[in-house]
Protein backbone atom coordinates (compact mmCIF):
# COMPACT_ATOMS: atom_id res chain seq x y z
CA MET A 1 47.22 119.72 104.62
CA LEU A 2 46.69 123.02 106.57
CA ASP A 3 49.23 123.25 109.39
CA ILE A 4 46.67 123.81 112.01
CA GLY A 5 49.08 123.36 115.04
CA LEU A 6 51.54 125.66 113.92
CA LEU A 7 48.57 128.36 113.48
CA VAL A 8 47.03 127.70 116.92
CA ARG A 9 50.38 127.94 118.48
CA VAL A 10 50.96 131.22 117.13
CA HIS A 11 47.46 132.46 118.20
CA VAL A 12 48.14 131.32 121.60
CA ASP A 13 51.45 133.09 122.14
CA ALA A 14 49.89 136.12 120.89
CA LEU A 15 47.14 135.71 123.57
CA ILE A 16 49.66 135.40 126.45
CA VAL A 17 51.78 138.65 125.17
CA ALA A 18 48.36 140.31 124.95
CA GLN A 19 47.50 139.39 128.43
CA ASN A 20 50.85 140.17 130.18
CA HIS A 21 50.48 143.72 128.75
CA MET A 22 47.11 144.52 129.88
CA GLY A 23 47.52 142.98 132.87
CA VAL A 24 45.00 139.87 132.99
CA CYS A 25 45.85 137.71 135.32
CA ASP A 26 43.10 135.64 135.11
CA ALA A 27 42.92 135.11 131.46
CA ILE A 28 44.99 132.08 130.82
CA ARG A 29 43.03 129.84 133.40
CA ARG A 30 39.92 130.79 131.52
CA ILE A 31 41.43 129.07 128.39
CA ALA A 32 42.24 125.63 128.18
CA PRO A 33 46.04 124.27 127.79
CA VAL A 34 47.70 123.94 124.53
CA GLY A 35 46.89 119.91 124.73
CA LYS A 36 43.42 120.58 125.40
CA LEU A 37 42.68 123.28 122.31
CA ALA A 38 40.49 120.61 120.76
CA ALA A 39 37.83 121.07 124.01
CA MET A 40 37.49 124.46 123.83
CA SER A 41 34.69 126.06 122.01
CA ALA A 42 32.05 128.78 122.52
CA PRO A 43 28.36 127.47 124.09
CA HIS A 44 26.27 125.58 121.84
CA LEU A 45 25.28 127.21 118.68
CA PRO A 46 21.87 128.56 118.49
CA LYS A 47 19.76 127.05 115.39
CA VAL A 48 20.54 129.11 112.01
CA ALA A 49 17.31 129.35 109.97
CA GLY A 50 15.74 126.28 111.64
CA ILE A 51 19.18 124.08 111.49
CA ASP A 52 21.20 122.49 114.35
CA PRO A 53 24.78 121.66 112.46
CA GLU A 54 25.79 117.89 112.91
CA VAL A 55 29.58 119.28 113.81
CA PRO A 56 29.52 121.97 115.96
CA VAL A 57 31.09 125.28 114.61
CA SER A 58 32.53 128.13 116.85
CA THR A 59 29.87 131.27 117.31
CA HIS A 60 32.86 133.53 116.19
CA THR A 61 32.60 131.33 112.65
CA ARG A 62 28.74 132.02 112.89
CA SER A 63 28.71 135.74 112.81
CA PRO A 64 30.74 138.89 112.48
CA LEU A 65 32.63 139.91 115.86
CA THR A 66 31.56 142.87 117.92
CA GLU A 67 33.42 144.10 120.61
CA VAL A 68 31.05 143.72 123.71
CA PRO A 69 31.56 145.86 127.53
CA GLY A 70 33.51 143.73 129.27
CA PRO A 71 36.85 144.15 131.44
CA PRO A 72 39.80 144.96 130.03
CA GLY A 73 41.17 142.26 127.79
CA ALA A 74 38.20 140.20 127.34
CA PHE A 75 37.90 140.97 123.86
CA ILE A 76 40.95 139.88 122.66
CA GLN A 77 40.78 136.91 124.65
CA ASP A 78 37.36 136.06 123.00
CA ARG A 79 38.76 136.74 119.91
CA LEU A 80 41.81 134.68 120.16
CA ALA A 81 39.44 131.78 121.64
CA GLY A 82 37.55 132.08 118.50
CA TRP A 83 40.52 131.46 116.14
CA VAL A 84 41.46 128.76 117.95
CA SER A 85 38.16 127.04 118.11
CA ASP A 86 37.53 127.91 113.82
CA LEU A 87 41.29 126.43 113.25
CA THR A 88 40.56 123.12 115.59
CA THR A 89 37.01 122.62 114.10
CA LEU A 90 38.76 123.30 110.29
CA HIS A 91 41.71 120.69 111.28
CA GLU A 92 38.96 117.98 112.66
CA LEU A 93 37.24 118.25 109.49
CA THR A 94 40.17 117.59 107.30
CA GLU A 95 41.55 115.14 109.15
CA ARG A 96 38.01 113.15 108.91
CA LEU A 97 37.89 113.79 104.71
CA ALA A 98 42.00 112.76 104.82
CA ALA A 99 40.73 109.23 106.23
CA THR A 100 38.72 108.50 103.53
CA SER A 101 40.00 106.39 100.82
CA ALA A 102 36.89 105.52 98.74
CA LEU A 103 35.39 108.58 96.34
CA ASP A 104 31.94 107.79 97.30
CA THR A 105 32.96 108.60 101.30
CA ALA A 106 35.15 111.39 100.51
CA LEU A 107 32.14 112.92 98.66
CA ASP A 108 29.68 112.36 101.54
CA GLU A 109 32.17 113.55 103.84
CA LEU A 110 32.69 116.57 102.00
CA LEU A 111 28.99 117.35 101.96
CA HIS A 112 28.43 116.93 105.73
CA ALA A 113 31.18 119.12 106.81
CA GLY A 114 30.33 121.66 104.31
CA ALA A 115 27.04 121.78 106.05
CA ALA A 116 28.44 122.23 109.23
CA LEU A 117 30.77 124.93 108.26
CA VAL A 118 28.02 126.93 106.79
CA GLY A 119 25.35 126.38 108.85
CA ALA A 120 23.19 124.12 106.39
CA ARG A 121 20.97 121.19 106.98
CA ARG A 122 20.59 119.73 103.33
CA GLY A 123 22.77 119.95 100.26
CA LEU A 124 23.80 118.70 97.05
CA LEU A 125 27.15 117.86 95.42
CA VAL A 126 27.81 117.18 91.63
CA LEU A 127 31.06 115.64 90.41
CA GLU A 128 31.61 116.83 86.95
CA PRO A 129 35.26 117.29 85.96
CA ALA A 130 36.02 120.30 83.54
CA ASN A 131 38.05 118.01 81.16
CA GLY A 132 35.42 115.42 80.86
CA GLU A 133 37.77 112.47 82.15
CA GLY A 134 36.95 110.67 85.22
CA PRO A 135 33.83 109.56 87.36
CA SER A 136 30.85 111.88 87.34
CA ALA A 137 28.17 111.74 90.17
CA THR A 138 25.66 113.38 91.92
CA LEU A 139 25.14 113.22 95.52
CA GLY A 140 22.41 114.34 98.12
CA LEU A 141 22.36 115.36 101.59
CA GLY A 142 18.70 115.20 102.98
CA LEU A 143 17.22 114.58 99.84
CA THR A 144 15.40 111.70 98.33
CA HIS A 145 16.12 110.40 94.66
CA SER A 146 12.64 112.24 93.96
CA GLU A 147 13.82 115.42 95.44
CA LEU A 148 17.03 115.15 93.47
CA GLY A 149 14.94 114.39 90.59
CA HIS A 150 12.95 117.55 91.12
CA LEU A 151 16.01 119.63 91.20
CA GLU A 152 17.47 118.47 88.05
CA THR A 153 14.55 119.58 85.99
CA VAL A 154 15.11 123.14 87.11
CA PRO A 155 17.27 124.65 84.15
CA ARG A 156 21.00 124.90 84.71
CA ALA A 157 21.49 128.16 83.73
CA ALA A 158 18.95 129.31 86.28
CA THR A 159 20.86 127.78 89.30
CA ALA A 160 23.65 129.02 91.14
CA LEU A 161 24.83 125.36 91.16
CA GLY A 162 24.84 125.43 87.37
CA ARG A 163 26.74 128.70 87.11
CA VAL A 164 29.24 127.35 89.09
CA LEU A 165 29.59 124.30 87.32
CA ASP A 166 29.62 126.13 83.84
CA GLY A 167 32.61 128.52 85.72
CA LEU A 168 31.08 131.77 84.99
CA PRO A 169 33.45 134.55 86.36
CA ASP A 170 31.19 135.83 89.24
CA THR A 171 31.29 132.24 90.84
CA ALA A 172 34.89 131.54 91.80
CA ASP A 173 34.35 132.81 95.38
CA GLY A 174 30.76 131.09 95.64
CA ILE A 175 27.47 132.28 95.28
CA ALA A 176 24.89 132.84 98.10
CA SER A 177 21.27 132.94 97.42
CA PRO A 178 19.65 134.97 100.68
CA ASP A 179 16.16 134.92 99.83
CA LEU A 180 15.26 132.88 96.76
CA LEU A 181 11.69 133.02 97.07
CA GLY A 182 12.10 137.23 97.46
CA GLU A 183 14.12 137.17 93.54
CA PRO A 184 11.61 138.70 91.29
CA ASP A 185 13.47 137.30 88.21
CA LEU A 186 13.95 134.05 89.76
CA ASP A 187 13.24 131.21 86.59
CA PRO A 188 9.35 129.93 87.34
CA ARG A 189 10.52 126.32 87.48
CA HIS A 190 13.19 127.13 90.17
CA ARG A 191 10.46 128.82 92.11
CA ASP A 192 8.10 125.79 91.61
CA VAL A 193 10.95 123.29 92.80
CA ALA A 194 12.22 125.36 96.17
CA THR A 195 8.79 125.75 96.76
CA ARG A 196 8.06 121.94 96.63
CA LEU A 197 10.97 121.04 98.52
CA GLY A 198 11.08 123.45 100.94
CA TYR A 199 14.07 125.90 100.79
CA ALA A 200 14.06 129.31 101.14
CA ALA A 201 17.75 130.20 100.49
CA SER A 202 20.84 128.34 98.80
CA TYR A 203 24.86 128.87 98.99
CA ALA A 204 26.81 127.65 96.42
CA LEU A 205 30.66 127.02 96.20
CA PRO A 206 32.89 125.46 93.47
CA LEU A 207 35.27 122.54 94.05
CA ALA A 208 38.37 123.95 91.98
CA SER A 209 41.99 124.73 92.38
CA GLU A 210 44.85 125.87 90.04
CA ALA A 211 46.14 122.38 90.00
CA SER A 212 43.21 120.14 89.35
CA GLY A 213 40.95 122.44 87.74
CA ARG A 214 37.23 122.37 88.51
CA LEU A 215 36.09 119.11 89.46
CA GLY A 216 32.21 120.08 90.00
CA ALA A 217 30.25 121.74 92.59
CA ALA A 218 28.64 121.81 96.16
CA LEU A 219 25.16 123.46 96.80
CA TRP A 220 23.89 123.89 100.40
CA LEU A 221 20.24 124.42 100.90
CA TYR A 222 18.60 126.25 104.12
CA ASP A 223 14.79 126.20 105.03
CA GLU A 224 14.31 129.97 105.75
CA PRO A 225 16.29 133.12 104.37
CA ALA A 226 19.61 133.02 105.46
CA GLU A 227 23.15 133.41 104.40
CA PRO A 228 26.46 132.27 105.34
CA ALA A 229 28.61 134.96 107.49
CA GLN A 230 31.90 135.95 105.84
CA LYS A 231 33.79 133.95 108.39
CA GLN A 232 31.99 131.05 107.61
CA ARG A 233 32.38 131.50 104.17
CA HIS A 234 36.14 132.03 104.70
CA LEU A 235 36.37 128.68 106.66
CA ALA A 236 34.27 126.62 103.90
CA GLY A 237 36.65 127.87 101.07
CA LEU A 238 39.76 126.76 102.92
CA TYR A 239 37.88 123.31 103.47
CA ALA A 240 36.68 123.13 99.88
CA ARG A 241 40.37 123.87 98.43
CA TYR A 242 41.88 120.98 100.59
CA ALA A 243 38.81 119.11 99.82
CA THR A 244 39.25 119.50 95.63
CA GLU A 245 42.85 118.05 95.95
CA HIS A 246 41.93 115.27 98.14
CA LEU A 247 39.24 114.49 95.71
CA ALA A 248 41.55 115.22 92.51
CA ARG A 249 43.72 112.08 93.99
CA LEU A 250 40.78 109.66 94.45
CA ILE A 251 39.17 110.33 90.90
CA GLU A 252 42.93 109.64 89.19
CA LEU A 253 42.58 106.46 91.25
CA GLU A 254 39.43 105.49 90.16
CA ARG A 255 40.38 106.14 86.45
CA ALA A 256 43.36 103.99 86.89
CA ARG A 257 41.38 101.20 88.54
CA ALA A 258 38.87 101.55 85.71
CA ASP A 259 41.83 100.91 83.30
CA VAL A 260 43.20 98.28 85.13
CA ALA A 261 39.95 96.24 84.89
CA ALA A 262 39.26 97.29 81.29
CA VAL A 263 42.16 95.80 80.33
CA ALA A 264 41.90 92.80 82.53
CA GLU A 265 38.55 92.06 80.87
CA GLU A 266 39.96 92.59 77.57
CA LEU A 267 42.50 89.69 77.85
CA LEU A 268 39.58 87.02 79.34
CA PRO A 269 37.02 85.54 76.87
CA SER A 270 34.35 88.04 75.97
CA ARG A 271 31.81 85.33 75.92
CA LEU A 272 31.78 81.53 76.57
CA PRO A 273 31.15 78.87 74.13
CA ARG A 274 27.65 76.80 73.84
CA ILE A 275 28.42 73.07 74.18
CA PRO A 276 25.74 70.26 74.20
CA GLY A 277 25.20 69.11 77.23
CA VAL A 278 27.01 71.74 79.56
CA GLN A 279 26.12 74.83 80.42
CA LEU A 280 28.78 77.41 81.37
CA ALA A 281 29.12 81.18 83.87
CA ALA A 282 32.12 82.68 84.85
CA ARG A 283 32.60 85.34 87.30
CA HIS A 284 35.72 87.80 87.50
CA ARG A 285 36.71 90.64 89.81
CA THR A 286 40.42 92.62 89.23
CA GLY A 287 41.99 93.76 92.20
CA PRO A 288 42.72 97.39 92.66
CA ARG A 289 46.17 96.91 91.18
CA GLY A 290 45.21 94.44 88.49
CA GLY A 291 46.63 90.89 88.76
CA GLY A 292 47.10 87.80 86.89
CA ASP A 293 44.09 85.41 87.29
CA TRP A 294 42.24 83.78 84.40
CA TYR A 295 39.96 81.73 82.88
CA ASP A 296 39.40 80.25 79.44
CA ALA A 297 36.77 77.49 77.96
CA LEU A 298 37.52 76.50 74.46
CA PRO A 299 35.52 74.48 72.22
CA LEU A 300 37.32 71.33 70.97
CA PRO A 301 37.00 68.63 68.31
CA ASP A 302 34.09 66.30 68.47
CA ARG A 303 31.92 68.69 70.76
CA THR A 304 34.69 68.45 73.81
CA LEU A 305 35.51 71.35 75.72
CA GLY A 306 38.73 72.48 77.21
CA LEU A 307 38.52 74.35 80.55
CA SER A 308 41.14 76.37 82.09
CA VAL A 309 41.56 78.65 85.39
CA GLY A 310 44.83 79.62 86.24
CA SER A 311 46.91 82.66 88.30
CA VAL A 312 50.35 84.43 87.56
CA GLY A 313 52.16 85.55 90.56
CA GLY A 314 52.53 89.44 91.16
CA SER A 315 50.01 92.19 90.23
CA GLY A 316 49.88 95.25 88.04
CA PRO A 317 50.50 95.43 84.37
CA SER A 318 53.56 93.29 83.91
CA ALA A 319 51.30 90.39 85.89
CA MET A 320 48.55 91.09 83.72
CA ALA A 321 50.73 91.19 80.35
CA ALA A 322 52.30 87.64 81.36
CA MET A 323 48.83 86.22 82.48
CA GLY A 324 47.75 87.08 78.87
CA ARG A 325 50.57 85.46 77.12
CA LEU A 326 50.19 82.49 79.26
CA ARG A 327 46.45 82.16 78.46
CA ALA A 328 47.02 82.43 74.59
CA GLY A 329 49.87 79.45 74.70
CA LEU A 330 47.34 77.43 76.59
CA ARG A 331 44.54 77.95 74.34
CA ALA A 332 46.92 76.79 71.64
CA TYR A 333 48.33 73.93 73.27
CA ALA A 334 44.84 72.57 74.44
CA VAL A 335 43.77 72.59 70.57
CA MET A 336 46.89 70.38 69.44
CA GLU A 337 46.71 68.05 72.70
CA GLY A 338 43.68 69.26 74.79
CA GLU A 339 42.61 65.40 75.42
CA ASP A 340 46.11 65.15 77.28
CA PRO A 341 45.81 67.54 80.34
CA VAL A 342 49.59 66.44 81.57
CA ALA A 343 50.85 67.42 78.10
CA VAL A 344 49.05 70.83 77.78
CA LEU A 345 50.50 71.89 81.06
CA SER A 346 53.96 70.79 80.72
CA ASP A 347 54.16 72.91 77.34
CA LEU A 348 52.94 75.50 79.27
CA GLU A 349 55.42 75.24 81.77
CA LEU A 350 58.22 75.40 79.11
CA LEU A 351 56.80 78.38 77.34
CA LEU A 352 56.79 80.22 81.51
CA ARG A 353 60.47 79.05 81.69
CA LEU A 354 61.59 80.71 78.18
CA THR A 355 59.28 83.69 78.16
CA GLU A 356 59.13 84.57 82.14
CA PRO A 357 62.06 82.96 83.94
CA ALA A 358 61.49 85.08 87.21
CA ARG A 359 57.66 84.05 87.49
CA THR A 360 55.63 81.19 88.75
CA ALA A 361 51.93 80.33 88.06
CA THR A 362 49.64 78.08 88.85
CA ALA A 363 47.34 76.39 86.58
CA LEU A 364 44.37 74.21 86.03
CA PHE A 365 43.34 72.32 82.90
CA ALA A 366 40.23 70.24 82.36
CA TYR A 367 39.51 68.35 78.96
CA CYS A 368 35.58 67.42 79.02
CA GLU A 369 33.08 65.13 76.91
CA PRO A 370 29.76 66.32 77.96
CA ALA A 371 28.09 64.05 76.10
CA ALA A 372 29.76 60.88 78.44
CA ARG A 373 30.00 63.08 81.05
CA LYS A 374 33.83 62.75 81.88
CA VAL A 375 36.31 64.79 82.96
CA VAL A 376 40.20 64.45 83.23
CA LEU A 377 42.32 67.57 84.53
CA ALA A 378 45.66 68.28 85.84
CA GLY A 379 46.57 70.79 88.05
CA ALA A 380 50.03 72.30 88.73
CA GLY A 381 49.67 73.78 92.34
CA HIS A 382 46.10 75.14 91.66
CA THR A 383 42.94 74.59 94.01
CA PRO A 384 41.29 71.68 93.42
CA PRO A 385 37.86 71.57 91.83
CA LEU A 386 34.24 71.62 93.97
CA VAL A 387 31.43 68.92 92.77
CA LEU A 388 28.35 70.10 93.77
CA GLY A 389 24.67 67.89 93.19
CA GLU A 390 21.84 66.67 94.82
CA ARG A 391 23.62 64.06 96.72
CA ARG A 392 26.96 65.56 97.05
CA CYS A 393 29.19 68.38 97.83
CA GLU A 394 32.97 67.83 97.61
CA TYR A 395 36.39 68.48 96.22
CA VAL A 396 37.94 66.48 93.75
CA GLU A 397 40.96 64.41 94.59
CA THR A 398 43.86 65.81 92.79
CA THR A 399 47.47 65.06 92.73
CA LEU A 400 49.87 67.26 94.74
CA SER A 401 51.89 69.04 92.32
CA ALA A 402 54.50 72.28 92.23
CA PRO A 403 53.33 75.46 90.57
CA LEU A 404 54.57 76.25 86.93
CA GLY A 405 58.34 77.54 87.06
CA MET A 406 59.42 75.99 90.45
CA LEU A 407 61.24 72.72 88.77
CA ALA A 408 63.30 72.09 85.76
CA CYS A 409 60.71 69.70 84.29
CA TRP A 410 57.09 69.81 85.64
CA GLU A 411 54.69 66.63 85.32
CA ALA A 412 52.10 65.16 87.28
CA PRO A 413 49.29 62.30 86.61
CA SER A 414 45.80 63.63 85.83
CA VAL A 415 42.84 62.70 87.39
CA GLU A 416 39.57 61.36 85.60
CA PHE A 417 36.10 61.86 87.21
CA SER A 418 32.33 61.79 86.00
CA PRO A 419 29.98 64.25 87.19
CA ALA A 420 26.36 63.05 87.63
CA PRO A 421 23.80 64.47 85.56
CA GLY A 422 22.44 67.70 87.27
CA GLU A 423 26.19 68.41 89.07
CA THR A 424 27.95 71.69 88.52
CA VAL A 425 31.89 71.41 88.18
CA LEU A 426 33.38 74.61 90.32
CA LEU A 427 36.80 75.72 89.25
CA TYR A 428 38.08 78.81 90.84
CA THR A 429 41.63 80.46 92.03
CA ASP A 430 42.79 81.08 95.46
CA GLY A 431 42.03 84.71 95.59
CA LEU A 432 38.44 83.66 96.46
CA LEU A 433 39.98 82.01 99.30
CA ARG A 434 42.58 84.87 100.01
CA ARG A 435 39.89 87.40 100.04
CA THR A 436 38.10 86.03 103.01
CA GLY A 437 41.05 86.80 105.18
CA ASP A 438 40.89 83.34 106.69
CA ALA A 439 43.52 80.90 106.82
CA MET A 440 43.26 78.44 104.03
CA ASP A 441 42.14 75.34 105.44
CA ARG A 442 39.17 77.70 107.03
CA ALA A 443 38.63 79.33 103.60
CA PHE A 444 38.29 75.97 102.02
CA ALA A 445 35.85 74.87 104.60
CA ARG A 446 33.96 78.39 103.83
CA LEU A 447 33.57 77.53 100.51
CA HIS A 448 32.42 73.90 100.93
CA SER A 449 29.61 75.65 103.22
CA ALA A 450 28.93 78.11 100.68
CA ALA A 451 28.36 75.85 97.80
CA ALA A 452 26.56 73.27 100.07
CA SER A 453 23.78 75.94 100.78
CA VAL A 454 23.08 77.04 97.07
CA PRO A 455 19.09 76.56 96.97
CA LYS A 456 17.66 74.01 95.14
CA ALA A 457 16.08 75.97 92.94
CA GLY A 458 19.39 77.41 91.44
CA ARG A 459 21.37 74.70 91.35
CA HIS A 460 20.69 73.83 87.64
CA ASP A 461 21.92 77.43 86.65
CA PRO A 462 25.50 78.04 86.81
CA ALA A 463 25.40 81.72 87.22
CA ALA A 464 23.23 81.33 90.35
CA VAL A 465 25.65 79.03 91.81
CA ALA A 466 28.45 81.14 91.37
CA ASP A 467 26.91 84.29 92.11
CA HIS A 468 25.50 82.41 95.39
CA VAL A 469 29.08 81.43 96.17
CA LEU A 470 30.21 84.93 95.80
CA ARG A 471 28.09 86.53 98.09
CA THR A 472 28.37 84.04 100.58
CA MET A 473 32.00 83.83 100.61
CA LEU A 474 32.66 87.81 100.12
CA PRO A 475 29.53 89.45 101.95
CA ASP A 476 31.51 93.16 102.54
CA GLY A 477 31.99 93.19 98.36
CA LEU A 478 34.07 92.18 95.81
CA ASP A 479 36.24 95.18 95.25
CA ARG A 480 37.65 96.47 98.15
CA SER A 481 40.50 98.70 98.37
CA ASP A 482 42.47 96.80 100.82
CA SER A 483 42.67 93.45 99.03
CA THR A 484 45.33 92.75 96.05
CA GLU A 485 43.65 89.63 95.16
CA ASP A 486 41.79 88.60 91.68
CA VAL A 487 38.85 86.29 92.20
CA VAL A 488 38.07 84.02 89.21
CA ILE A 489 34.90 81.72 89.37
CA LEU A 490 34.33 78.83 86.70
CA ALA A 491 31.25 76.90 86.76
CA ALA A 492 30.43 74.11 84.69
CA HIS A 493 26.66 72.42 85.00
CA PHE A 494 26.32 69.04 83.28
CA ASP A 495 22.74 68.08 82.12
């Protein structure tokens, strides 16, 4: 980041020297103390091309400096005050950008800050990495979706934004078009769109650096013929170079998260089986670093079904790999002895101790006979299932047991229950509870309330039940960057 504080101190020191040399005693009294430099700025800006920027920018940024008559030293004082104001503004804008941790938020902040620096009201940003890797996006400022669509109909080569995105040699320092409608060779389609949207000038700036290459470009639009002054362009360029590096870091983070999510999804079932008498639905959300939560539904002989959910301790690629091995092992044990869930989990515990001696895991396995509406399950330190129906919404009473890998030999009795026709059994991992941020007892109560509030019209659809529970439990979104927990829900509705 720019060392704004150092530059401010240098300019203030220079100002004091100049004042002592010229004998201007009242100059220091007219300038705020160093601790209050952020509050020092020139009077409120006049509108530029009918625009009042959201973030105030110094008048020294808006137009070139010219010496005006006044007492000795006034010109130097005004000039240094303008430098301090410009640096303070740039510092505030870069601090706001640095505080963003999501790519969409950073792009929006860049558009607003750039508009303030160049004195524009509307803008357009296109994220388009030159290497073809990473997310692509188009974002507008003060433009509706239909207006963005109109802009996309203009031939790419006919716009300054398109030339910047293509990396033409004359675009490295930006392209100013001060009077678009006055250009005789303007593309007819571009002229038509400019007239329809009501802009008469533009300024395009690349988002590129030597380290990260070209990531995209930004275009700001003026309602009247205008162009940014040289100092405005300089400050916008400084800001854009810092913004490019920040965006490059966020893009790399987005790529890593996408890779983690893709690997996690590949380790889980691509589709759920169809068994007469039961309908299944699953929801899975991976944390930003990747976790070890899984679910599975396995058809067994005689039209029976094995259902499992579990969670491996830790996060990251190693936890995901351990999850894949445990899930594969559990499937094999379920085929051989699925009617005895205790035996299945006992074998899984032995596999964990032999292959992952430093890890622990929780797991729940249920053997289901849909025709008889019979469920036999065993759990190892896992959260209890929830049964939802017309007449009840309650947790299944399961025996207390330690997680896998905690004891030399794991074993706990199984539990048998019979869901009534039309009831849904909800299996889930503790990530659903932990992402709420509540204490566990309150999180269990919150889950019970969410399940009980499922509309009657959706209770016969396991997908609708799972979606309602997710929306109710996590109203702020499932992919929050501040949570490392995976979320798994497996819903089984018995006809």
